[in-house]
Amino acid sequence: MKRVLLTVGGLFVLVVGVTAVGLQRVGSSLDDDKAKVLALIERHCACMSREDVACLTETSSWDEGALQSALSQSRSVHAQLGARGKAAPIKSSWSLRKFNSLTSGATIMTRVSLATPYERDDKAWERVEVVEHKGTLRVRSLRVHSEKLTP
């Protein structure tokens, strides 16, 4: 009986140890993923403010029509709200949704909400969706929300 209890106790300690190591690895992997996504978003937003089409093509998964629409929306936001991130530091909240798509081959979509104070609205925020496709991160959508924006 004592031997059985020692065996069960040993297995329990082993399972707890393996689980702890696994959780630590997952946590550090998510931190790395978050850093990559936030760097991509910052690069993409810088490209958008410069209206750098080559850079936007590299960082986003938009077709030509969607790209022109996004540039038009960006000009409108800039005209109404001013420069991005000027009123205060940009803060982010984080959510990760995984999905498998049979048609597009995309495996991971990450949605990031950024409290993004603009010059004329310090309460504006952005929602950015990033898709990983064949190991490459691309911005799928970018929306700016502000009470001061007119349609």
Protein backbone atom coordinates (compact mmCIF):
# COMPACT_ATOMS: atom_id res chain seq x y z
CA MET A 1 0.00 0.00 0.00
CA LYS A 2 2.82 2.37 0.92
CA ARG A 3 4.53 1.66 -2.38
CA VAL A 4 1.36 2.49 -4.34
CA LEU A 5 0.99 5.80 -2.49
CA LEU A 6 4.61 6.70 -3.20
CA THR A 7 4.15 5.86 -6.89
CA VAL A 8 0.94 7.95 -7.15
CA GLY A 9 2.61 10.81 -5.25
CA GLY A 10 5.65 10.67 -7.53
CA LEU A 11 3.48 10.72 -10.65
CA PHE A 12 1.53 13.67 -9.26
CA VAL A 13 4.73 15.65 -8.62
CA LEU A 14 5.95 14.78 -12.13
CA VAL A 15 2.69 15.96 -13.73
CA VAL A 16 2.73 19.21 -11.75
CA GLY A 17 6.37 19.84 -12.72
CA VAL A 18 5.78 19.20 -16.42
CA THR A 19 2.66 21.41 -16.38
CA ALA A 20 4.55 24.27 -14.71
CA VAL A 21 7.36 24.12 -17.27
CA GLY A 22 4.81 24.00 -20.12
CA LEU A 23 2.90 27.01 -18.80
CA GLN A 24 6.12 28.99 -18.46
CA ARG A 25 7.06 28.23 -22.07
CA VAL A 26 3.60 29.15 -23.34
CA GLY A 27 3.72 32.43 -21.39
CA SER A 28 7.09 33.44 -22.81
CA SER A 29 5.98 32.39 -26.31
CA LEU A 30 2.88 34.61 -26.01
CA ASP A 31 5.05 37.52 -24.85
CA ASP A 32 7.25 37.06 -27.93
CA ASP A 33 4.18 36.88 -30.18
CA LYS A 34 2.77 40.03 -28.57
CA ALA A 35 6.01 41.92 -29.13
CA LYS A 36 6.08 40.88 -32.82
CA VAL A 37 2.44 41.88 -33.37
CA LEU A 38 2.82 45.26 -31.65
CA ALA A 39 5.98 45.99 -33.68
CA LEU A 40 4.10 45.13 -36.89
CA ILE A 41 1.19 47.40 -35.91
CA GLU A 42 3.50 50.32 -35.15
CA ARG A 43 5.32 49.82 -38.46
CA HIS A 44 2.03 49.57 -40.34
CA CYS A 45 0.66 52.75 -38.73
CA ALA A 46 3.88 54.61 -39.55
CA CYS A 47 3.55 53.46 -43.18
CA MET A 48 -0.08 54.59 -43.18
CA SER A 49 0.77 58.07 -41.91
CA ARG A 50 3.50 58.41 -44.58
CA GLU A 51 1.12 56.98 -47.21
CA ASP A 52 3.90 54.59 -48.20
CA VAL A 53 2.08 52.16 -50.51
CA ALA A 54 5.04 49.77 -50.87
CA CYS A 55 5.36 49.46 -47.10
CA LEU A 56 1.58 49.02 -46.68
CA THR A 57 1.57 46.26 -49.29
CA GLU A 58 4.32 44.53 -47.34
CA THR A 59 2.62 44.86 -43.94
CA SER A 60 -1.03 44.29 -44.84
CA SER A 61 -3.16 41.70 -46.59
CA TRP A 62 -5.29 44.25 -48.47
CA ASP A 63 -6.02 44.24 -52.17
CA GLU A 64 -5.63 47.46 -54.18
CA GLY A 65 -9.20 48.66 -53.59
CA ALA A 66 -9.04 48.06 -49.84
CA LEU A 67 -5.64 49.75 -49.68
CA GLN A 68 -6.94 52.91 -51.37
CA SER A 69 -9.97 52.91 -49.06
CA ALA A 70 -7.70 52.55 -46.00
CA LEU A 71 -5.49 55.42 -47.19
CA SER A 72 -8.55 57.61 -47.70
CA GLN A 73 -9.82 56.75 -44.22
CA SER A 74 -6.37 57.46 -42.77
CA ARG A 75 -6.27 60.92 -44.40
CA SER A 76 -9.72 61.68 -42.98
CA VAL A 77 -8.74 60.52 -39.47
CA HIS A 78 -5.52 62.54 -39.61
CA ALA A 79 -7.38 65.66 -40.79
CA GLN A 80 -10.00 65.36 -38.04
CA LEU A 81 -7.94 64.06 -35.10
CA GLY A 82 -4.36 65.12 -35.85
CA ALA A 83 -1.29 62.99 -35.27
CA ARG A 84 -1.50 59.52 -33.73
CA GLY A 85 -0.08 58.99 -30.23
CA LYS A 86 0.68 62.66 -29.55
CA ALA A 87 -1.63 63.38 -26.59
CA ALA A 88 -0.41 60.50 -24.39
CA PRO A 89 1.38 57.14 -24.62
CA ILE A 90 -0.36 54.35 -26.55
CA LYS A 91 -1.68 51.58 -24.29
CA SER A 92 -2.76 48.17 -25.51
CA SER A 93 -5.05 45.41 -24.42
CA TRP A 94 -4.54 41.98 -25.84
CA SER A 95 -6.70 39.15 -27.08
CA LEU A 96 -5.73 36.16 -29.15
CA ARG A 97 -8.19 34.10 -31.13
CA LYS A 98 -7.04 31.07 -33.06
CA PHE A 99 -8.96 29.69 -35.97
CA ASN A 100 -8.38 27.43 -38.93
CA SER A 101 -9.68 28.44 -42.30
CA LEU A 102 -10.10 25.82 -44.98
CA THR A 103 -10.18 28.44 -47.73
CA SER A 104 -7.47 30.96 -46.82
CA GLY A 105 -4.97 28.83 -44.96
CA ALA A 106 -4.75 31.46 -42.21
CA THR A 107 -4.19 29.82 -38.86
CA ILE A 108 -3.99 32.57 -36.25
CA MET A 109 -5.83 35.86 -35.96
CA THR A 110 -4.81 38.29 -33.24
CA ARG A 111 -7.00 41.22 -32.27
CA VAL A 112 -5.33 44.12 -30.48
CA SER A 113 -7.12 47.13 -29.01
CA LEU A 114 -4.96 50.21 -28.57
CA ALA A 115 -5.89 53.26 -26.51
CA THR A 116 -4.43 55.65 -29.08
CA PRO A 117 -4.65 59.29 -28.10
CA TYR A 118 -4.58 61.60 -31.11
CA GLU A 119 -3.71 65.31 -30.95
CA ARG A 120 -7.35 66.40 -30.87
CA ASP A 121 -8.87 63.38 -29.09
CA ASP A 122 -7.09 61.75 -26.18
CA LYS A 123 -9.87 59.15 -25.81
CA ALA A 124 -9.63 57.63 -29.29
CA TRP A 125 -8.80 53.96 -29.69
CA GLU A 126 -7.89 51.60 -32.49
CA ARG A 127 -8.74 47.98 -33.14
CA VAL A 128 -6.26 46.09 -35.29
CA GLU A 129 -6.62 42.53 -36.52
CA VAL A 130 -3.45 40.73 -37.51
CA VAL A 131 -3.42 37.42 -39.39
CA GLU A 132 -0.56 34.96 -39.55
CA HIS A 133 -0.46 33.27 -42.94
CA LYS A 134 2.27 30.76 -43.76
CA GLY A 135 4.51 32.19 -41.04
CA THR A 136 4.07 35.83 -42.12
CA LEU A 137 2.18 38.41 -40.08
CA ARG A 138 -0.11 40.78 -41.98
CA VAL A 139 -2.55 43.47 -40.84
CA ARG A 140 -6.05 42.43 -41.83
CA SER A 141 -8.01 45.44 -40.60
CA LEU A 142 -7.46 48.71 -38.78
CA ARG A 143 -10.30 50.76 -37.32
CA VAL A 144 -10.14 54.04 -35.42
CA HIS A 145 -12.93 54.82 -32.96
CA SER A 146 -13.53 58.36 -31.77
CA GLU A 147 -16.58 60.42 -30.88
CA LYS A 148 -15.00 63.30 -32.79
CA LEU A 149 -14.86 61.45 -36.12
CA THR A 150 -17.55 62.28 -38.65
CA PRO A 151 -18.45 59.66 -41.26
